[in-house]
Amino acid sequence: MILEVALLQIIESKTDEFEINFKKASEIIYKKKGYINHELHKYSYNKNNYILMV
């Protein structure tokens, strides 16, 4: 299994929009062949940074 990690920095005023659109994108990701899992975590100390693990 391969784990990919991406560090995402989102413009502070766009974090709510990003989270909404990420949920929509997740519906597409779930359907891809070979898909196992993904997780999106928000940094606790910097609210506009995220870690995406696929």
C-alpha atoms as a PDB file:
ATOM      1  CA  MET A   1       0.000   0.000   0.000  1.00  0.00           C
ATOM      2  CA  ILE A   2       1.188   3.515  -0.789  1.00  0.00           C
ATOM      3  CA  LEU A   3       0.376   6.447   1.494  1.00  0.00           C
ATOM      4  CA  GLU A   4       0.457   9.910  -0.029  1.00  0.00           C
ATOM      5  CA  VAL A   5       0.524  12.941   2.250  1.00  0.00           C
ATOM      6  CA  ALA A   6      -0.189  16.508   1.134  1.00  0.00           C
ATOM      7  CA  LEU A   7       0.131  19.621   3.257  1.00  0.00           C
ATOM      8  CA  LEU A   8      -2.502  22.132   2.184  1.00  0.00           C
ATOM      9  CA  GLN A   9      -2.518  25.838   3.019  1.00  0.00           C
ATOM     10  CA  ILE A  10      -5.908  27.428   2.375  1.00  0.00           C
ATOM     11  CA  ILE A  11      -6.618  31.164   2.378  1.00  0.00           C
ATOM     12  CA  GLU A  12      -8.229  31.879   5.763  1.00  0.00           C
ATOM     13  CA  SER A  13     -11.386  33.365   4.281  1.00  0.00           C
ATOM     14  CA  LYS A  14     -11.828  30.280   2.058  1.00  0.00           C
ATOM     15  CA  THR A  15     -11.587  27.432   4.616  1.00  0.00           C
ATOM     16  CA  ASP A  16     -15.359  26.903   4.897  1.00  0.00           C
ATOM     17  CA  GLU A  17     -15.690  26.828   1.101  1.00  0.00           C
ATOM     18  CA  PHE A  18     -12.731  24.430   0.866  1.00  0.00           C
ATOM     19  CA  GLU A  19     -14.280  22.002   3.359  1.00  0.00           C
ATOM     20  CA  ILE A  20     -17.623  22.013   1.531  1.00  0.00           C
ATOM     21  CA  ASN A  21     -15.957  21.369  -1.827  1.00  0.00           C
ATOM     22  CA  PHE A  22     -13.685  18.706  -0.364  1.00  0.00           C
ATOM     23  CA  LYS A  23     -16.753  16.771   0.809  1.00  0.00           C
ATOM     24  CA  LYS A  24     -18.134  16.941  -2.739  1.00  0.00           C
ATOM     25  CA  ALA A  25     -14.809  15.782  -4.183  1.00  0.00           C
ATOM     26  CA  SER A  26     -14.709  12.915  -1.677  1.00  0.00           C
ATOM     27  CA  GLU A  27     -17.809  11.439  -3.304  1.00  0.00           C
ATOM     28  CA  ILE A  28     -15.843  11.165  -6.565  1.00  0.00           C
ATOM     29  CA  ILE A  29     -12.700   9.812  -4.875  1.00  0.00           C
ATOM     30  CA  TYR A  30     -14.697   7.001  -3.196  1.00  0.00           C
ATOM     31  CA  LYS A  31     -15.697   5.634  -6.610  1.00  0.00           C
ATOM     32  CA  LYS A  32     -12.175   5.347  -8.054  1.00  0.00           C
ATOM     33  CA  LYS A  33     -10.762   1.901  -8.743  1.00  0.00           C
ATOM     34  CA  GLY A  34      -8.245   0.888  -6.093  1.00  0.00           C
ATOM     35  CA  TYR A  35      -9.496   3.435  -3.578  1.00  0.00           C
ATOM     36  CA  ILE A  36      -8.941   2.388   0.028  1.00  0.00           C
ATOM     37  CA  ASN A  37      -9.227   5.428   2.265  1.00  0.00           C
ATOM     38  CA  HIS A  38      -8.442   9.117   2.698  1.00  0.00           C
ATOM     39  CA  GLU A  39      -8.379  11.469   5.657  1.00  0.00           C
ATOM     40  CA  LEU A  40      -8.362  15.245   5.918  1.00  0.00           C
ATOM     41  CA  HIS A  41      -7.109  16.753   9.182  1.00  0.00           C
ATOM     42  CA  LYS A  42      -7.143  20.411  10.167  1.00  0.00           C
ATOM     43  CA  TYR A  43      -4.087  21.650  12.071  1.00  0.00           C
ATOM     44  CA  SER A  44      -5.037  22.468  15.654  1.00  0.00           C
ATOM     45  CA  TYR A  45      -2.679  25.438  15.905  1.00  0.00           C
ATOM     46  CA  ASN A  46      -3.176  26.958  12.442  1.00  0.00           C
ATOM     47  CA  LYS A  47      -6.779  26.728  11.294  1.00  0.00           C
ATOM     48  CA  ASN A  48      -6.099  27.321   7.606  1.00  0.00           C
ATOM     49  CA  ASN A  49      -3.664  24.400   7.215  1.00  0.00           C
ATOM     50  CA  TYR A  50      -4.718  20.830   6.482  1.00  0.00           C
ATOM     51  CA  ILE A  51      -3.046  17.448   6.080  1.00  0.00           C
ATOM     52  CA  LEU A  52      -4.528  15.162   3.429  1.00  0.00           C
ATOM     53  CA  MET A  53      -3.632  11.469   3.573  1.00  0.00           C
ATOM     54  CA  VAL A  54      -4.635   9.195   0.692  1.00  0.00           C
END
